[in-house]
Protein backbone atom coordinates (compact mmCIF):
# COMPACT_ATOMS: atom_id res chain seq x y z
CA MET A 1 18.98 -8.40 -64.13
CA ARG A 2 16.43 -4.64 -63.61
CA THR A 3 15.21 -5.85 -63.94
CA ARG A 4 17.80 -7.44 -62.39
CA PHE A 5 19.65 -5.94 -64.29
CA SER A 6 22.52 -5.95 -66.74
CA SER A 7 21.93 -5.13 -70.31
CA ILE A 8 22.12 -7.06 -73.51
CA CYS A 9 21.96 -5.22 -76.78
CA PHE A 10 20.32 -7.43 -79.33
CA PRO A 11 20.84 -7.44 -83.09
CA ALA A 12 19.69 -4.59 -85.25
CA ALA A 13 19.65 -4.36 -89.03
CA ILE A 14 22.67 -2.47 -90.34
CA GLY A 15 22.26 -1.20 -93.92
CA ALA A 16 21.46 -4.08 -96.23
CA ILE A 17 23.56 -6.55 -94.23
CA ALA A 18 21.93 -8.49 -91.41
CA ALA A 19 24.79 -8.07 -88.95
CA LEU A 20 23.78 -9.31 -85.56
CA ALA A 21 25.48 -8.61 -82.24
CA LEU A 22 24.75 -9.04 -78.54
CA VAL A 23 25.99 -6.51 -76.05
CA LEU A 24 26.03 -6.98 -72.33
CA THR A 25 26.55 -4.26 -69.75
CA PRO A 26 26.47 -5.03 -66.08
CA ALA A 27 23.49 -3.81 -64.26
CA SER A 28 23.58 -0.39 -62.88
CA LEU A 29 20.01 0.41 -62.15
CA GLY A 30 20.18 2.66 -59.18
CA LEU A 31 16.58 3.14 -58.13
CA ALA A 32 16.36 6.65 -56.79
CA SER A 33 14.13 7.51 -53.95
CA ALA A 34 12.44 9.80 -51.59
CA ALA A 35 12.74 13.36 -50.50
CA ALA A 36 14.31 14.88 -47.43
CA ALA A 37 10.91 16.24 -46.47
CA LYS A 38 9.38 12.75 -46.50
CA PRO A 39 11.79 9.85 -46.10
CA ARG A 40 11.48 6.84 -48.41
CA ALA A 41 13.98 4.17 -49.31
CA SER A 42 16.10 5.08 -52.30
CA HIS A 43 16.73 2.77 -55.14
CA ARG A 44 18.79 2.48 -58.23
CA SER A 45 20.75 5.74 -58.49
CA GLN A 46 21.56 6.65 -62.07
CA VAL A 47 24.37 8.94 -63.17
CA ALA A 48 22.25 10.83 -65.70
CA CYS A 49 19.59 11.66 -63.11
CA SER A 50 21.38 11.44 -59.76
CA ALA A 51 21.56 15.13 -58.91
CA ALA A 52 17.86 15.54 -58.13
CA GLY A 53 17.95 12.92 -55.42
CA ALA A 54 21.25 13.97 -53.88
CA THR A 55 19.63 15.52 -50.82
CA ARG A 56 18.41 12.09 -49.68
CA ARG A 57 20.83 9.68 -51.21
CA GLN A 58 24.33 10.76 -50.35
CA ARG A 59 25.94 7.77 -52.03
CA SER A 60 29.58 7.65 -52.96
CA SER A 61 30.72 8.56 -56.44
CA ALA A 62 31.72 4.95 -56.85
CA GLN A 63 28.12 3.90 -56.28
CA ARG A 64 26.79 6.55 -58.63
CA ALA A 65 29.26 5.70 -61.37
CA ARG A 66 29.18 1.92 -61.42
CA THR A 67 31.45 0.27 -63.91
CA GLN A 68 30.13 0.00 -67.43
CA ARG A 69 31.40 -2.55 -69.87
CA CYS A 70 30.26 -3.62 -73.28
CA LEU A 71 31.29 -6.90 -74.86
CA LYS A 72 30.59 -7.83 -78.47
CA VAL A 73 29.73 -11.03 -80.14
CA ILE A 74 30.17 -11.21 -83.92
CA ALA A 75 27.26 -13.15 -85.42
CA THR A 76 27.03 -15.24 -88.54
CA ARG A 77 27.93 -12.45 -91.02
CA ALA A 78 31.20 -11.48 -89.30
CA LEU A 79 30.33 -7.80 -89.29
CA HIS A 80 31.52 -5.59 -86.43
CA SER A 81 28.84 -3.27 -85.15
CA LYS A 82 29.36 -0.74 -82.39
CA ARG A 83 26.65 -0.48 -79.80
CA LYS A 84 26.11 2.34 -77.36
CA LYS A 85 27.18 1.59 -73.80
CA TRP A 86 24.61 2.55 -71.26
CA LYS A 87 23.56 1.86 -67.77
CA SER A 88 20.89 -0.72 -67.29
CA THR A 89 18.16 -1.31 -64.80
CA PRO A 90 18.04 -4.56 -62.89
CA SER A 91 17.42 -6.45 -66.07
CA VAL A 92 19.34 -7.37 -69.14
CA ALA A 93 17.97 -4.52 -71.09
CA LYS A 94 17.24 -4.77 -74.77
CA THR A 95 18.88 -1.76 -76.27
CA PRO A 96 17.65 -0.75 -79.72
CA PRO A 97 19.01 2.57 -80.97
CA THR A 98 17.24 5.44 -79.23
CA PRO A 99 15.49 7.67 -81.79
CA THR A 100 16.57 11.29 -81.69
CA THR A 101 13.07 12.41 -82.64
CA PRO A 102 10.09 10.39 -81.43
CA PRO A 103 7.73 9.24 -84.19
CA THR A 104 4.74 11.45 -84.85
CA PRO A 105 1.33 9.99 -83.91
CA THR A 106 -0.84 8.98 -86.81
CA SER A 107 -4.53 8.39 -87.09
CA ALA A 108 -5.99 5.53 -85.08
CA PRO A 109 -6.17 2.08 -86.68
CA PRO A 110 -9.36 0.00 -86.60
CA THR A 111 -10.93 -0.33 -83.16
CA ILE A 112 -9.60 -3.20 -81.08
CA GLU A 113 -11.35 -5.15 -78.39
CA SER A 114 -11.67 -3.75 -74.86
CA PRO A 115 -9.84 -1.90 -73.47
CA SER A 116 -9.80 0.42 -76.47
CA THR A 117 -8.05 3.71 -77.04
CA SER A 118 -6.56 5.60 -79.94
CA PRO A 119 -3.17 4.08 -80.77
CA THR A 120 -0.27 5.93 -82.24
CA SER A 121 2.05 5.02 -85.06
CA MET A 122 4.21 1.99 -84.48
CA PRO A 123 7.98 2.07 -84.11
CA PRO A 124 10.40 0.42 -86.50
CA THR A 125 10.43 -3.36 -86.34
CA ILE A 126 12.90 -4.79 -83.86
CA GLU A 127 14.56 -8.01 -84.89
CA SER A 128 14.68 -10.95 -82.53
CA PRO A 129 18.08 -12.28 -81.45
CA THR A 130 19.45 -15.15 -83.48
CA THR A 131 22.38 -16.08 -81.26
CA PRO A 132 22.63 -18.83 -80.21
CA PRO A 133 21.15 -20.69 -83.21
CA THR A 134 18.66 -22.63 -81.08
CA THR A 135 14.92 -22.09 -81.50
CA GLU A 136 13.11 -20.60 -78.54
CA SER A 137 10.20 -22.77 -77.55
CA THR A 138 6.72 -21.26 -77.86
CA THR A 139 5.22 -23.83 -75.51
CA THR A 140 5.18 -23.63 -71.75
CA PRO A 141 7.07 -26.12 -69.55
CA SER A 142 5.06 -27.67 -66.73
CA PRO A 143 4.77 -25.30 -63.75
CA THR A 144 6.37 -26.09 -60.43
CA SER A 145 3.68 -26.34 -57.77
CA SER A 146 4.04 -24.84 -54.29
CA PRO A 147 4.14 -27.53 -51.58
CA GLY A 148 2.31 -25.27 -49.08
CA THR A 149 3.75 -27.17 -46.11
CA GLY A 150 5.28 -24.24 -44.23
CA THR A 151 4.03 -22.78 -40.97
CA GLY A 152 4.30 -19.16 -42.09
CA TRP A 153 1.80 -16.94 -43.87
CA ASP A 154 -0.59 -18.84 -46.16
CA GLY A 155 1.34 -22.10 -45.65
CA PHE A 156 4.67 -20.67 -46.81
CA GLY A 157 8.01 -20.84 -45.05
CA GLY A 158 11.31 -22.63 -45.44
CA SER A 159 11.45 -24.10 -48.94
CA SER A 160 7.66 -23.89 -49.34
CA LEU A 161 7.21 -20.84 -51.56
CA PRO A 162 4.27 -19.33 -53.49
CA GLY A 163 3.18 -21.03 -56.70
CA ALA A 164 1.76 -19.62 -59.90
CA ASP A 165 -1.81 -19.16 -58.63
CA TRP A 166 -0.85 -17.00 -55.64
CA ARG A 167 -0.62 -13.23 -55.74
CA PRO A 168 0.11 -10.72 -52.96
CA TYR A 169 -2.41 -8.23 -51.61
CA ALA A 170 -6.18 -8.03 -51.53
CA SER A 171 -8.49 -7.58 -54.49
CA ILE A 172 -8.80 -3.89 -53.54
CA SER A 173 -5.09 -3.33 -54.23
CA PRO A 174 -4.37 -1.19 -57.31
CA PHE A 175 -2.12 -4.05 -58.46
CA ASN A 176 -5.09 -6.43 -58.56
CA GLN A 177 -7.58 -4.14 -60.30
CA SER A 178 -8.66 -4.67 -63.92
CA THR A 179 -7.97 -2.10 -66.62
CA GLU A 180 -11.36 -2.74 -68.20
CA GLY A 181 -13.32 0.49 -68.59
CA VAL A 182 -10.51 2.72 -67.26
CA ALA A 183 -10.14 5.96 -69.24
CA VAL A 184 -7.00 6.76 -71.21
CA ASP A 185 -5.18 9.95 -70.29
CA PRO A 186 -5.60 12.64 -73.00
CA ASN A 187 -1.82 13.05 -73.24
CA SER A 188 -1.17 9.30 -73.44
CA ALA A 189 0.38 9.28 -76.92
CA ALA A 190 2.95 11.97 -76.05
CA ILE A 191 3.91 10.30 -72.76
CA VAL A 192 4.28 6.91 -74.46
CA GLN A 193 6.49 8.46 -77.15
CA LYS A 194 8.66 10.07 -74.47
CA VAL A 195 9.09 6.86 -72.48
CA LEU A 196 9.80 4.69 -75.53
CA SER A 197 12.26 7.25 -76.90
CA TRP A 198 14.42 6.32 -73.90
CA SER A 199 14.22 2.61 -74.69
CA LEU A 200 11.84 -0.19 -75.50
CA PRO A 201 11.06 -2.56 -72.60
CA GLY A 202 14.35 -3.98 -71.39
CA ASN A 203 15.20 -7.67 -71.33
CA GLN A 204 15.65 -9.78 -68.23
CA ALA A 205 18.21 -12.47 -67.53
CA SER A 206 18.59 -15.54 -65.37
CA GLY A 207 21.71 -16.40 -63.40
CA GLU A 208 22.00 -13.15 -61.45
CA ALA A 209 21.04 -14.52 -58.04
CA GLU A 210 23.45 -13.42 -55.32
CA THR A 211 25.51 -11.28 -57.68
CA SER A 212 26.00 -7.52 -57.84
CA GLU A 213 23.62 -7.49 -60.80
CA ASP A 214 20.66 -8.60 -58.68
CA TRP A 215 18.57 -5.45 -58.24
CA GLY A 216 15.48 -7.37 -57.21
CA HIS A 217 13.73 -7.90 -53.90
CA PRO A 218 14.65 -11.26 -52.30
CA THR A 219 11.65 -12.37 -50.25
CA PHE A 220 11.55 -14.77 -47.29
CA TYR A 221 8.57 -16.20 -45.42
CA ALA A 222 9.22 -16.40 -41.69
CA GLU A 223 7.93 -19.20 -39.48
CA PRO A 224 7.19 -18.91 -35.76
CA GLY A 225 10.37 -20.75 -34.71
CA ASP A 226 12.79 -18.62 -36.72
CA PRO A 227 15.44 -16.48 -34.95
CA ILE A 228 14.23 -13.12 -33.63
CA TYR A 229 15.87 -9.86 -34.70
CA THR A 230 15.53 -6.30 -33.49
CA LEU A 231 15.25 -3.91 -36.43
CA HIS A 232 17.67 -0.98 -36.69
CA ALA A 233 17.59 1.62 -39.49
CA THR A 234 20.77 3.62 -40.06
CA GLU A 235 19.85 6.43 -42.47
CA PRO A 236 19.41 9.88 -40.84
CA TRP A 237 16.17 10.71 -42.65
CA GLY A 238 13.94 10.81 -39.62
CA ASN A 239 12.36 8.15 -37.45
CA ASP A 240 12.00 4.94 -39.43
CA PRO A 241 8.76 3.34 -38.17
CA LEU A 242 10.46 -0.07 -38.07
CA ASN A 243 13.13 0.97 -35.57
CA GLY A 244 13.00 -1.16 -32.44
CA MET A 245 10.49 -3.69 -33.75
CA SER A 246 11.30 -7.39 -33.38
CA ILE A 247 10.52 -9.93 -36.10
CA PRO A 248 11.53 -13.49 -37.00
CA ILE A 249 13.83 -13.86 -40.01
CA PRO A 250 14.41 -17.28 -41.62
CA PRO A 251 17.91 -18.77 -41.43
CA GLY A 252 19.79 -18.14 -44.69
CA ALA A 253 17.80 -15.02 -45.59
CA ARG A 254 19.96 -12.33 -47.14
CA PRO A 255 19.55 -9.19 -49.25
CA SER A 256 20.36 -8.75 -52.90
CA ARG A 257 24.03 -8.04 -53.53
CA SER A 258 23.48 -4.88 -55.56
CA THR A 259 24.12 -1.61 -53.76
CA ASP A 260 20.35 -1.29 -53.20
CA ALA A 261 20.53 -4.41 -51.00
CA HIS A 262 16.78 -5.03 -50.94
CA MET A 263 15.26 -7.69 -48.73
CA THR A 264 11.71 -8.57 -47.71
CA VAL A 265 10.40 -10.68 -44.85
CA VAL A 266 6.75 -11.78 -44.67
CA THR A 267 5.75 -12.83 -41.15
CA SER A 268 3.16 -15.43 -40.20
CA GLU A 269 0.93 -12.57 -38.96
CA GLY A 270 0.68 -11.20 -42.49
CA TRP A 271 3.06 -8.24 -42.34
CA GLU A 272 5.40 -7.62 -45.26
CA TYR A 273 8.59 -5.93 -44.02
CA ASP A 274 10.47 -4.21 -46.85
CA PHE A 275 14.11 -3.19 -46.44
CA TRP A 276 16.56 -1.13 -48.46
CA GLY A 277 20.30 -1.04 -47.77
CA ALA A 278 20.03 -4.26 -45.75
CA GLN A 279 22.94 -6.15 -44.25
CA VAL A 280 23.13 -9.93 -43.95
CA PRO A 281 21.39 -10.93 -40.68
CA PRO A 282 23.80 -12.37 -38.12
CA PRO A 283 23.15 -16.06 -37.49
CA GLY A 284 20.86 -17.01 -34.63
CA GLY A 285 19.19 -13.63 -34.05
CA GLY A 286 20.27 -10.25 -32.71
CA THR A 287 20.13 -6.90 -34.50
CA PHE A 288 19.14 -6.68 -38.16
CA THR A 289 20.60 -3.52 -39.68
CA PHE A 290 19.33 -1.78 -42.83
CA GLY A 291 19.31 1.69 -44.33
CA TRP A 292 15.58 2.35 -44.46
CA GLY A 293 12.39 0.35 -44.55
CA GLY A 294 8.67 0.09 -44.07
CA ARG A 295 5.90 -2.45 -43.89
CA THR A 296 2.53 -3.15 -45.47
CA ARG A 297 -0.09 -5.84 -45.06
CA ILE A 298 0.34 -8.81 -47.41
CA ASP A 299 -3.48 -9.04 -47.44
CA GLY A 300 -3.96 -5.28 -47.78
CA ASN A 301 -3.44 -2.79 -50.61
CA GLY A 302 0.35 -3.21 -50.89
CA LEU A 303 1.02 0.51 -50.47
CA GLY A 304 2.64 2.81 -47.92
CA SER A 305 5.78 0.77 -47.33
CA GLY A 306 9.39 1.97 -47.42
CA GLY A 307 11.46 -0.26 -49.68
CA THR A 308 10.90 1.50 -53.02
CA ALA A 309 10.77 5.15 -54.08
CA SER A 310 7.01 4.95 -54.69
CA GLY A 311 6.20 3.29 -51.38
CA PHE A 312 4.88 0.19 -53.14
CA GLY A 313 5.44 -3.05 -51.29
CA ASN A 314 8.51 -4.95 -52.48
CA LEU A 315 6.29 -7.77 -53.76
CA ALA A 316 4.12 -5.46 -55.87
CA GLY A 317 4.19 -6.25 -59.57
CA MET A 318 7.08 -8.74 -59.50
CA ILE A 319 7.03 -11.23 -62.41
CA ARG A 320 7.72 -14.60 -60.75
CA ALA A 321 9.21 -17.71 -62.31
CA PRO A 322 6.22 -19.94 -61.41
CA GLU A 323 3.93 -17.50 -63.23
CA LEU A 324 6.05 -17.59 -66.38
CA ALA A 325 6.08 -21.39 -66.25
CA ALA A 326 2.31 -21.55 -65.82
CA GLY A 327 1.72 -19.05 -68.63
CA HIS A 328 -0.39 -16.57 -66.65
CA ILE A 329 0.22 -13.54 -64.42
CA ASP A 330 -2.80 -12.32 -62.48
CA HIS A 331 -1.70 -8.89 -61.31
CA ALA A 332 -0.31 -5.57 -62.53
CA LEU A 333 3.40 -5.19 -63.26
CA PHE A 334 6.10 -3.07 -61.59
CA ILE A 335 7.73 -0.64 -64.04
CA VAL A 336 11.05 1.17 -63.67
CA LEU A 337 11.54 4.35 -65.72
CA LYS A 338 14.71 6.29 -66.52
CA CYS A 339 13.34 9.30 -64.64
CA THR A 340 9.97 10.86 -63.85
CA ALA A 341 8.43 14.31 -64.18
CA GLN A 342 9.33 17.36 -62.10
CA GLY A 343 6.07 19.29 -62.31
CA THR A 344 2.41 18.65 -61.63
CA SER A 345 1.00 19.16 -65.15
CA PHE A 346 -0.07 15.51 -65.30
CA GLY A 347 -2.97 16.40 -63.02
CA TYR A 348 -5.06 13.97 -60.94
CA GLY A 349 -3.60 15.31 -57.72
CA THR A 350 0.03 14.95 -58.80
CA THR A 351 2.35 16.05 -55.99
CA THR A 352 5.99 17.08 -55.97
CA HIS A 353 8.78 17.30 -53.40
CA VAL A 354 12.01 19.27 -53.37
CA GLY A 355 14.79 16.88 -54.33
CA THR A 356 12.62 14.23 -56.01
CA SER A 357 10.29 13.86 -58.96
CA SER A 358 6.55 14.36 -58.85
CA TYR A 359 4.29 11.42 -58.04
CA VAL A 360 0.65 10.44 -58.34
CA TYR A 361 -1.46 7.85 -56.52
CA PRO A 362 -0.89 4.99 -55.85
CA ALA A 363 2.71 6.21 -55.33
CA ASP A 364 3.26 8.25 -52.17
CA ASP A 365 6.65 9.75 -52.99
CA GLY A 366 8.88 10.58 -55.95
CA GLY A 367 12.02 9.20 -57.53
CA THR A 368 14.76 10.65 -59.72
CA ALA A 369 13.47 13.71 -61.58
CA CYS A 370 14.01 14.15 -65.31
CA PRO A 371 16.14 17.14 -66.39
CA GLU A 372 14.33 20.44 -66.30
CA GLY A 373 12.58 21.16 -69.58
CA GLU A 374 12.09 17.50 -70.56
CA THR A 375 8.41 17.50 -71.44
CA ASN A 376 5.84 14.69 -71.34
CA ALA A 377 7.65 12.61 -68.75
CA PRO A 378 5.15 10.89 -66.44
CA PRO A 379 5.15 11.17 -62.63
CA LEU A 380 6.06 8.20 -60.46
CA GLY A 381 2.96 6.05 -59.94
CA THR A 382 1.71 6.45 -63.53
CA ARG A 383 -0.37 3.52 -64.74
CA PHE A 384 0.34 2.00 -68.16
CA MET A 385 -1.52 -0.68 -70.08
CA LEU A 386 -1.30 -2.60 -73.35
CA ALA A 387 -4.39 -1.97 -75.48
CA MET A 388 -4.46 -5.39 -77.12
CA SER A 389 -7.20 -8.02 -76.91
CA ASP A 390 -6.52 -11.58 -75.83
CA ALA A 391 -6.99 -12.69 -79.43
CA GLN A 392 -4.43 -10.18 -80.68
CA ILE A 393 -1.89 -11.27 -78.08
CA GLN A 394 -2.40 -14.95 -78.79
CA ALA A 395 -1.91 -14.28 -82.52
CA LEU A 396 1.59 -12.85 -81.95
CA ALA A 397 4.53 -15.03 -82.98
CA VAL A 398 6.11 -14.82 -79.51
CA PRO A 399 6.69 -17.43 -76.78
CA THR A 400 3.98 -18.31 -74.27
CA TRP A 401 5.90 -16.73 -71.38
CA LYS A 402 5.94 -13.39 -73.21
CA LYS A 403 2.22 -13.67 -73.94
CA ALA A 404 1.69 -14.06 -70.19
CA ILE A 405 3.50 -10.76 -69.56
CA LEU A 406 1.60 -8.99 -72.34
CA THR A 407 -1.75 -10.33 -71.13
CA ALA A 408 -1.07 -9.14 -67.58
CA LEU A 409 -0.18 -5.69 -68.95
CA ALA A 410 -3.45 -5.70 -70.90
CA HIS A 411 -5.68 -6.99 -68.10
CA TYR A 412 -4.11 -5.26 -65.08
CA GLY A 413 -1.65 -2.70 -66.45
CA GLY A 414 1.61 -1.69 -64.81
CA TYR A 415 2.68 1.08 -62.42
CA ALA A 416 5.84 3.18 -62.51
CA GLY A 417 7.27 2.30 -59.11
CA ASP A 418 10.92 3.36 -59.30
CA THR A 419 13.50 5.17 -61.42
CA GLY A 420 16.87 4.29 -62.95
CA GLY A 421 18.41 2.59 -65.95
CA PRO A 422 18.11 3.47 -69.63
CA GLY A 423 14.36 3.86 -69.99
CA PHE A 424 11.54 1.35 -69.48
CA GLU A 425 11.75 -1.94 -67.56
CA PHE A 426 9.55 -4.54 -65.95
CA MET A 427 10.83 -6.30 -62.85
CA PHE A 428 11.34 -10.01 -62.37
CA GLU A 429 11.54 -11.49 -58.90
CA SER A 430 14.98 -11.94 -57.36
CA SER A 431 16.18 -15.51 -57.65
CA THR A 432 18.10 -15.00 -54.41
CA THR A 433 14.70 -15.83 -52.88
CA TYR A 434 15.43 -19.42 -53.91
CA THR A 435 19.21 -19.80 -53.90
CA ALA A 436 19.60 -18.37 -50.38
CA LEU A 437 17.54 -21.35 -49.18
CA GLY A 438 19.61 -23.86 -51.15
CA LEU A 439 17.02 -24.18 -53.93
CA PRO A 440 17.85 -24.11 -57.66
CA GLU A 441 17.30 -20.89 -59.56
CA PRO A 442 13.94 -21.35 -61.32
CA LEU A 443 14.61 -18.80 -64.05
CA VAL A 444 17.64 -20.83 -65.11
CA GLU A 445 15.59 -24.02 -65.21
CA PHE A 446 12.84 -22.27 -67.14
CA GLY A 447 15.27 -20.71 -69.59
CA GLN A 448 16.85 -24.07 -70.28
CA ALA A 449 13.48 -25.80 -70.75
CA SER A 450 12.28 -22.99 -73.03
CA ASN A 451 15.42 -22.89 -75.24
CA LEU A 452 15.97 -19.20 -74.53
CA PRO A 453 19.00 -17.53 -76.12
CA THR A 454 22.02 -17.21 -73.84
CA TRP A 455 24.72 -14.68 -73.20
CA GLU A 456 27.72 -15.53 -71.02
CA GLY A 457 25.81 -18.45 -69.55
CA LYS A 458 22.68 -16.44 -68.76
CA TYR A 459 19.32 -17.15 -70.34
CA VAL A 460 17.88 -13.97 -71.81
CA PHE A 461 14.19 -13.02 -71.73
CA ASN A 462 13.69 -10.78 -74.76
CA ILE A 463 10.74 -8.58 -73.78
CA ALA A 464 10.62 -5.98 -76.56
CA SER A 465 10.66 -7.92 -79.82
CA GLY A 466 7.50 -8.95 -81.62
CA VAL A 467 5.29 -6.21 -80.12
CA GLU A 468 4.31 -2.85 -81.61
CA TRP A 469 4.79 -1.01 -78.35
CA GLU A 470 4.14 2.54 -79.50
CA LYS A 471 1.00 1.44 -81.27
CA TYR A 472 -0.55 -0.29 -78.27
CA LEU A 473 0.98 1.09 -75.06
CA ARG A 474 -1.30 3.53 -73.19
CA VAL A 475 -1.23 5.77 -70.13
CA LEU A 476 -4.37 5.41 -68.02
CA VAL A 477 -6.12 7.76 -65.63
CA PRO A 478 -4.90 6.91 -62.10
CA PRO A 479 -7.14 4.81 -59.85
CA SER A 480 -9.18 6.58 -57.19
CA GLN A 481 -7.82 6.62 -53.65
């Protein structure tokens, strides 16, 4: 995608002729990460913004300049339309043309239901893809229930994985807090315009499990009888707190195959171990080697770990296949931005490090910094929300799975947790979580049942279309620590 993450450019109107084309670029979301002064795991390095993070992420030029390709499909009108090639985050990013000048805010429309803020003018309408000529279902397939027969945390382990009604972390976690009554930042409209000038929310795709386009966080639930591994971090950024610890890791567990090589293990004691730059564990136990990592309580606040630039736990904000199938997501979303601010003008205790961007709580470190002089970029950790009521969301002519994402963004918001890619992305869970255990990829099954459009055999989740993002997206005041 990235949100796992190769990109598909969907049709746009060209002159008076409705020429439609799909463009796919392999995922190249490099999530940038922490500073030399305070080590954090790096993530999706991006060519346009890589210099700021160079002091901590000395990756090869080959890693920083991953191959880009753009393939075209000529739709029903047989018109050729060139699309811009760009790097994508771990998703199949929807790539409407980036405006050279962001739209100017207009006066607020009539007041909407809580949460309410002053919206800005809406962007041009984005057409939905029409290839292939099947109709995407607006109903929700039956959810797959979690057996709950494992001996790990909360009854998970082996092939018993969380269902739709489960969410990580305690109710005190920022990811489980409601947006109701939270104030909107005074500079919200300008920040939203800046972020959406990079790109509208990028699409996601199925079929990327165990491929180099999987930028997600494969997660495995250990059981007491699983092989024991001694943890060994290899990056010279200081003393990784996980070094020398011993934990069980389930047989078959393996990291994503992107260069970020994320992997997460949740132990039966309730610790979530988050790894970046992980290697495949040797069979039967031994030493588990990874670049950098950290841990957080699965029943805690989900912060202070080491697998993402922000320090969020690897499970924070992931959109999971069982949630899409059930039609509800009961937590905030994880957002990946092209880059984040350098300075501290955002306020609210915003902090900055040499070599990374600024950050604000609940993030505890920065990512890839935007170029100097780029104004109104938010710091890492910024909280967004969709200022639409349930009634407004339900009235949209979009599929039920998309309404679930929009409702979560309205009820809980979303936090900027990492940097990379073309602009603005949500993150889906890594399907390697399932396929590494010999289970079918649920996003593929869901895409097939929902009649989603396909590209090169992958079902595409079109996130951006059908929503007036600039009109309803907001930046909120950060939560209190």
